[in-house]
């Protein structure tokens, strides 16, 4: 009886390991193949979200304030300033910096 119980436990754990491995592979696949990307945006939609930065300005960081507002950290050579952008209105709410 002990021998049969030990065999059953080993087989059960092997099946459990295989199932977990399959779920791990599925999770990696779903993480890598993000199909919700920017594929559906047209050129008009992309330019409507534009911050209209010059060539010298670069985006250093983006933070999500809430579901409608983003905080951009912009670097312009030696100056750094912040832009709060509203996604619903598609406009810059405020610029903070020098």
Protein backbone atom coordinates (compact mmCIF):
# COMPACT_ATOMS: atom_id res chain seq x y z
CA UNK A 1 0.00 0.00 0.00
CA UNK A 2 2.82 2.42 0.83
CA UNK A 3 4.49 1.64 -2.47
CA UNK A 4 1.28 2.40 -4.44
CA UNK A 5 0.73 5.65 -2.52
CA UNK A 6 4.30 6.74 -3.25
CA UNK A 7 3.90 5.99 -6.98
CA UNK A 8 0.62 7.92 -7.06
CA UNK A 9 2.24 10.92 -5.33
CA UNK A 10 5.17 10.98 -7.76
CA UNK A 11 2.90 10.74 -10.82
CA UNK A 12 0.57 13.43 -9.46
CA UNK A 13 3.46 15.81 -8.78
CA UNK A 14 4.93 15.17 -12.26
CA UNK A 15 1.59 16.02 -13.88
CA UNK A 16 1.31 19.13 -11.71
CA UNK A 17 4.81 20.26 -12.76
CA UNK A 18 3.93 19.78 -16.44
CA UNK A 19 0.71 21.77 -16.08
CA UNK A 20 2.57 24.60 -14.35
CA UNK A 21 5.19 24.59 -17.12
CA UNK A 22 2.46 24.87 -19.77
CA UNK A 23 0.91 27.82 -17.93
CA UNK A 24 4.34 29.44 -17.67
CA UNK A 25 4.87 29.12 -21.42
CA UNK A 26 1.39 30.53 -22.10
CA UNK A 27 2.06 33.49 -19.80
CA UNK A 28 5.36 34.25 -21.52
CA UNK A 29 3.71 34.02 -24.94
CA UNK A 30 0.87 36.36 -23.96
CA UNK A 31 3.36 38.82 -22.45
CA UNK A 32 5.58 38.88 -25.54
CA UNK A 33 2.84 38.95 -28.19
CA UNK A 34 1.01 42.10 -27.11
CA UNK A 35 -1.60 42.51 -29.84
CA UNK A 36 -3.16 45.65 -28.37
CA UNK A 37 -0.26 47.88 -29.42
CA UNK A 38 -0.35 50.89 -31.68
CA UNK A 39 -1.44 48.94 -34.76
CA UNK A 40 -4.90 50.47 -34.94
CA UNK A 41 -3.87 54.13 -34.76
CA UNK A 42 -3.97 56.27 -37.86
CA UNK A 43 -1.58 59.15 -38.57
CA UNK A 44 -4.25 61.67 -37.53
CA UNK A 45 -4.71 59.97 -34.17
CA UNK A 46 -0.97 59.84 -33.57
CA UNK A 47 -0.49 63.54 -34.34
CA UNK A 48 -3.51 64.46 -32.23
CA UNK A 49 -1.62 63.08 -29.21
CA UNK A 50 1.54 64.98 -30.12
CA UNK A 51 3.42 67.08 -27.56
CA UNK A 52 4.97 69.12 -30.40
CA UNK A 53 8.53 68.83 -29.10
CA UNK A 54 11.51 70.33 -30.89
CA UNK A 55 14.41 68.19 -32.11
CA UNK A 56 16.54 69.13 -29.09
CA UNK A 57 13.87 68.03 -26.60
CA UNK A 58 13.72 64.42 -25.47
CA UNK A 59 11.30 62.52 -23.26
CA UNK A 60 13.21 61.21 -20.23
CA UNK A 61 10.36 59.61 -18.31
CA UNK A 62 6.59 59.07 -18.43
CA UNK A 63 4.44 58.58 -15.33
CA UNK A 64 0.73 57.79 -15.18
CA UNK A 65 -1.08 60.22 -12.89
CA UNK A 66 -4.54 58.72 -13.37
CA UNK A 67 -6.49 57.14 -16.23
CA UNK A 68 -6.77 60.47 -18.09
CA UNK A 69 -3.52 62.31 -17.28
CA UNK A 70 0.14 61.58 -18.00
CA UNK A 71 3.24 63.30 -16.61
CA UNK A 72 6.13 63.67 -19.06
CA UNK A 73 9.66 64.57 -17.95
CA UNK A 74 11.23 66.49 -20.85
CA UNK A 75 14.91 67.35 -21.19
CA UNK A 76 16.04 70.26 -23.35
CA UNK A 77 19.87 70.26 -23.36
CA UNK A 78 20.58 71.34 -19.76
CA UNK A 79 17.01 72.13 -18.63
CA UNK A 80 14.40 69.68 -17.39
CA UNK A 81 10.70 70.46 -17.20
CA UNK A 82 7.44 68.58 -16.73
CA UNK A 83 4.35 68.42 -18.92
CA UNK A 84 0.96 67.21 -17.70
CA UNK A 85 -1.04 65.91 -20.67
CA UNK A 86 -4.76 65.07 -20.69
CA UNK A 87 -5.65 62.09 -22.90
CA UNK A 88 -9.38 62.88 -23.10
CA UNK A 89 -8.98 66.47 -24.28
CA UNK A 90 -5.77 65.67 -26.20
CA UNK A 91 -4.07 68.79 -24.90
CA UNK A 92 -1.31 69.90 -22.56
CA UNK A 93 -2.77 70.94 -19.20
CA UNK A 94 0.35 72.58 -17.78
CA UNK A 95 4.11 72.92 -18.13
CA UNK A 96 6.18 72.98 -14.97
CA UNK A 97 9.80 74.06 -15.06
CA UNK A 98 12.17 76.81 -16.05
